[in-house]
Amino acid sequence: MAESPSHTSPNSSDSSTSSAPLSHSSSSSTWASAAKSYLASAAAVPVSGKEKGKRKKVVLDTAPFIRGVRFESFGDEFYTVPEVLKEIRDSKARAFLDQIMVPIRTREPTPEAYNAVVEFSRKSGDYPSLSRTDLKVLALVYLLEKETCGTAHLRTEPKSVCFLSSHSHITLLTCF
C-alpha cells in the first residue's frame, strides 16, 4: 500500500506504475454506468459536515480534472491512483491540474481491495465494461472505506434491481 507525497504538478506523479488503462466496451451495464457517474460527480457534491471529527476523504477519477470541477472545498483529503494522473493528457486539463491548491495523494489500492472490487464487478456483470483504472479507483474507495469504517456494512453480493419501462404498446421488464 504505497502512498506518494502530495501532488504539486502533473509531472510529479508516481512513475513506478506501468499499467495502461483499458478501453471501455461498447455496452455499459447499469452498475458500471452508475459507478462511473458517481465517481465523475462525487467531487460535485459539497461536504455537509464532518462525522465524529473524521476528515472527509475524496477519491478522484479523471472526469473532475477533464471537466474542470473545482473540488477543493468538497473534502479535507484528496486521493487518486497514479493511472488517473496519467490519463490527463490534454493541455487544458493539465493546466487545471497545475492550478489545484490542495494536495492530491496518489495511492495504490491493496491487492485485497482490488480483488474485492473485481469479484463484485464480476458477480454484477460489470467487469467487462470497467477499465483497469476504473477498478483501481473503486478499489481505492474500498480501501479508504475499510481503513476508516471497516467493511462489515459493505455488500459482497450485488443487489438485484428490476426496472419496468413502458412506451406505447410495449413494456420492458429488466432485472440486474
Protein backbone atom coordinates (compact mmCIF):
# COMPACT_ATOMS: atom_id res chain seq x y z
CA MET A 1 0.00 0.00 0.00
CA ALA A 2 2.19 2.81 -1.27
CA GLU A 3 1.28 6.44 -0.86
CA SER A 4 3.18 9.09 -2.75
CA PRO A 5 3.89 12.58 -1.50
CA SER A 6 1.35 15.32 -2.10
CA HIS A 7 0.80 16.31 -5.70
CA THR A 8 2.42 19.56 -6.78
CA SER A 9 2.41 19.24 -10.56
CA PRO A 10 1.29 16.73 -13.14
CA ASN A 11 4.90 15.85 -13.87
CA SER A 12 5.47 14.72 -10.30
CA SER A 13 3.15 11.70 -10.46
CA ASP A 14 4.48 8.31 -9.47
CA SER A 15 6.10 6.66 -12.47
CA SER A 16 6.54 3.27 -10.81
CA THR A 17 3.22 2.06 -12.18
CA SER A 18 3.22 0.92 -15.78
CA SER A 19 -0.29 -0.36 -16.41
CA ALA A 20 -2.22 1.47 -19.10
CA PRO A 21 -5.98 1.96 -18.90
CA LEU A 22 -8.08 -0.49 -20.87
CA SER A 23 -10.73 0.78 -23.22
CA HIS A 24 -14.38 0.55 -22.25
CA SER A 25 -16.53 -1.95 -24.04
CA SER A 26 -19.28 -0.54 -26.20
CA SER A 27 -22.03 -1.86 -23.93
CA SER A 28 -22.04 -0.46 -20.43
CA SER A 29 -24.19 -2.02 -17.73
CA THR A 30 -26.25 -0.10 -15.22
CA TRP A 31 -23.95 -0.67 -12.24
CA ALA A 32 -20.85 0.36 -14.17
CA SER A 33 -22.60 3.45 -15.51
CA ALA A 34 -23.82 4.35 -12.05
CA ALA A 35 -20.37 3.81 -10.54
CA LYS A 36 -18.69 5.90 -13.23
CA SER A 37 -21.34 8.58 -12.90
CA TYR A 38 -20.90 8.60 -9.14
CA LEU A 39 -17.14 8.85 -9.45
CA ALA A 40 -17.42 11.59 -12.05
CA SER A 41 -19.82 13.60 -9.94
CA ALA A 42 -18.51 12.73 -6.48
CA ALA A 43 -16.44 15.89 -6.44
CA ALA A 44 -19.50 17.93 -7.40
CA VAL A 45 -21.35 17.39 -4.11
CA PRO A 46 -20.35 19.70 -1.23
CA VAL A 47 -19.47 18.12 2.09
CA SER A 48 -22.23 18.73 4.62
CA GLY A 49 -20.01 18.49 7.67
CA LYS A 50 -17.62 16.14 9.40
CA GLU A 51 -18.77 12.94 11.07
CA LYS A 52 -17.37 12.48 14.57
CA GLY A 53 -14.25 14.52 13.81
CA LYS A 54 -13.21 12.34 10.86
CA ARG A 55 -11.61 14.03 7.92
CA LYS A 56 -13.67 13.81 4.72
CA LYS A 57 -11.74 11.86 2.07
CA VAL A 58 -12.48 12.34 -1.61
CA VAL A 59 -11.32 9.87 -4.27
CA LEU A 60 -10.93 11.46 -7.68
CA ASP A 61 -11.41 9.86 -11.07
CA THR A 62 -10.24 11.53 -14.28
CA ALA A 63 -13.55 13.31 -15.04
CA PRO A 64 -13.29 16.16 -12.48
CA PHE A 65 -9.90 17.14 -13.93
CA ILE A 66 -11.07 16.99 -17.54
CA ARG A 67 -14.28 18.89 -16.75
CA GLY A 68 -12.50 21.46 -14.59
CA VAL A 69 -14.55 20.77 -11.45
CA ARG A 70 -13.31 22.87 -8.51
CA PHE A 71 -13.40 20.18 -5.83
CA GLU A 72 -11.14 21.71 -3.17
CA SER A 73 -13.99 22.62 -0.83
CA PHE A 74 -15.66 19.21 -1.03
CA GLY A 75 -13.35 17.40 1.38
CA ASP A 76 -10.28 17.50 3.55
CA GLU A 77 -8.08 14.89 1.90
CA PHE A 78 -7.90 14.08 -1.82
CA TYR A 79 -6.73 10.78 -3.29
CA THR A 80 -6.37 9.17 -6.68
CA VAL A 81 -4.46 6.35 -8.33
CA PRO A 82 -1.40 7.10 -10.49
CA GLU A 83 -3.23 5.97 -13.65
CA VAL A 84 -5.75 8.80 -13.28
CA LEU A 85 -3.00 11.41 -13.44
CA LYS A 86 -1.54 9.60 -16.47
CA GLU A 87 -4.94 9.82 -18.22
CA ILE A 88 -4.89 13.62 -18.01
CA ARG A 89 -3.25 14.39 -21.34
CA ASP A 90 -4.82 17.45 -22.93
CA SER A 91 -3.28 20.84 -22.21
CA LYS A 92 -6.46 22.38 -20.72
CA ALA A 93 -6.85 19.57 -18.17
CA ARG A 94 -3.11 19.67 -17.37
CA ALA A 95 -3.32 23.43 -16.80
CA PHE A 96 -6.30 22.87 -14.49
CA LEU A 97 -4.32 20.25 -12.57
CA ASP A 98 -1.45 22.72 -12.13
CA GLN A 99 -3.86 25.27 -10.59
CA ILE A 100 -5.19 22.99 -7.86
CA MET A 101 -4.17 24.37 -4.50
CA VAL A 102 -4.74 21.28 -2.33
CA PRO A 103 -2.53 18.21 -2.10
CA ILE A 104 -3.67 15.19 -4.09
CA ARG A 105 -2.22 11.98 -2.76
CA THR A 106 -1.62 9.17 -5.21
CA ARG A 107 -2.09 5.80 -3.66
CA GLU A 108 -2.16 2.22 -4.85
CA PRO A 109 -5.01 0.05 -3.55
CA THR A 110 -4.01 -3.19 -1.88
CA PRO A 111 -4.38 -6.47 -3.78
CA GLU A 112 -7.16 -7.40 -1.30
CA ALA A 113 -9.13 -4.23 -2.14
CA TYR A 114 -8.58 -4.68 -5.89
CA ASN A 115 -9.68 -8.33 -5.74
CA ALA A 116 -12.81 -7.44 -3.73
CA VAL A 117 -13.85 -4.91 -6.39
CA VAL A 118 -13.04 -7.27 -9.27
CA GLU A 119 -15.01 -10.10 -7.63
CA PHE A 120 -18.02 -7.87 -7.02
CA SER A 121 -17.94 -6.47 -10.56
CA ARG A 122 -17.81 -10.00 -11.99
CA LYS A 123 -20.83 -11.02 -9.91
CA SER A 124 -22.75 -7.94 -11.07
CA GLY A 125 -21.74 -8.46 -14.71
CA ASP A 126 -19.96 -5.10 -14.91
CA TYR A 127 -16.40 -6.36 -15.11
CA PRO A 128 -16.12 -6.22 -18.93
CA SER A 129 -17.17 -2.55 -19.03
CA LEU A 130 -14.73 -1.33 -16.35
CA SER A 131 -11.18 -0.32 -17.24
CA ARG A 132 -8.24 -1.24 -15.06
CA THR A 133 -8.15 2.39 -13.93
CA ASP A 134 -11.87 2.28 -13.03
CA LEU A 135 -11.27 -0.87 -10.98
CA LYS A 136 -8.28 0.68 -9.21
CA VAL A 137 -10.23 3.86 -8.37
CA LEU A 138 -13.08 1.77 -6.95
CA ALA A 139 -10.54 -0.37 -5.07
CA LEU A 140 -9.04 2.78 -3.56
CA VAL A 141 -12.52 3.82 -2.40
CA TYR A 142 -12.92 0.34 -0.89
CA LEU A 143 -9.51 0.55 0.83
CA LEU A 144 -10.13 4.00 2.34
CA GLU A 145 -13.60 2.90 3.49
CA LYS A 146 -12.06 -0.18 5.11
CA GLU A 147 -9.41 1.91 6.86
CA THR A 148 -11.98 4.47 8.04
CA CYS A 149 -15.11 2.43 8.86
CA GLY A 150 -14.36 -1.24 8.24
CA THR A 151 -16.15 -3.42 5.69
CA ALA A 152 -18.97 -5.03 7.67
CA HIS A 153 -21.52 -2.62 6.14
CA LEU A 154 -20.39 -3.21 2.52
CA ARG A 155 -22.20 -5.64 0.23
CA THR A 156 -20.39 -8.72 -1.00
CA GLU A 157 -23.23 -9.66 -3.36
CA PRO A 158 -24.88 -7.32 -5.88
CA LYS A 159 -28.40 -6.22 -5.10
CA SER A 160 -30.97 -7.30 -7.67
CA VAL A 161 -32.78 -4.35 -9.21
CA CYS A 162 -35.67 -4.51 -11.66
CA PHE A 163 -36.92 -1.76 -13.96
CA LEU A 164 -40.24 -1.59 -15.75
CA SER A 165 -40.27 0.63 -18.80
CA SER A 166 -43.38 1.19 -20.82
CA HIS A 167 -43.68 3.04 -24.12
CA SER A 168 -46.79 2.99 -26.23
CA HIS A 169 -47.87 -0.67 -26.52
CA ILE A 170 -44.56 -2.24 -25.47
CA THR A 171 -43.43 -2.90 -21.91
CA LEU A 172 -39.94 -3.99 -20.98
CA LEU A 173 -39.06 -5.59 -17.65
CA THR A 174 -35.31 -5.69 -16.99
CA CYS A 175 -33.58 -7.04 -13.91
CA PHE A 176 -29.94 -6.63 -12.95
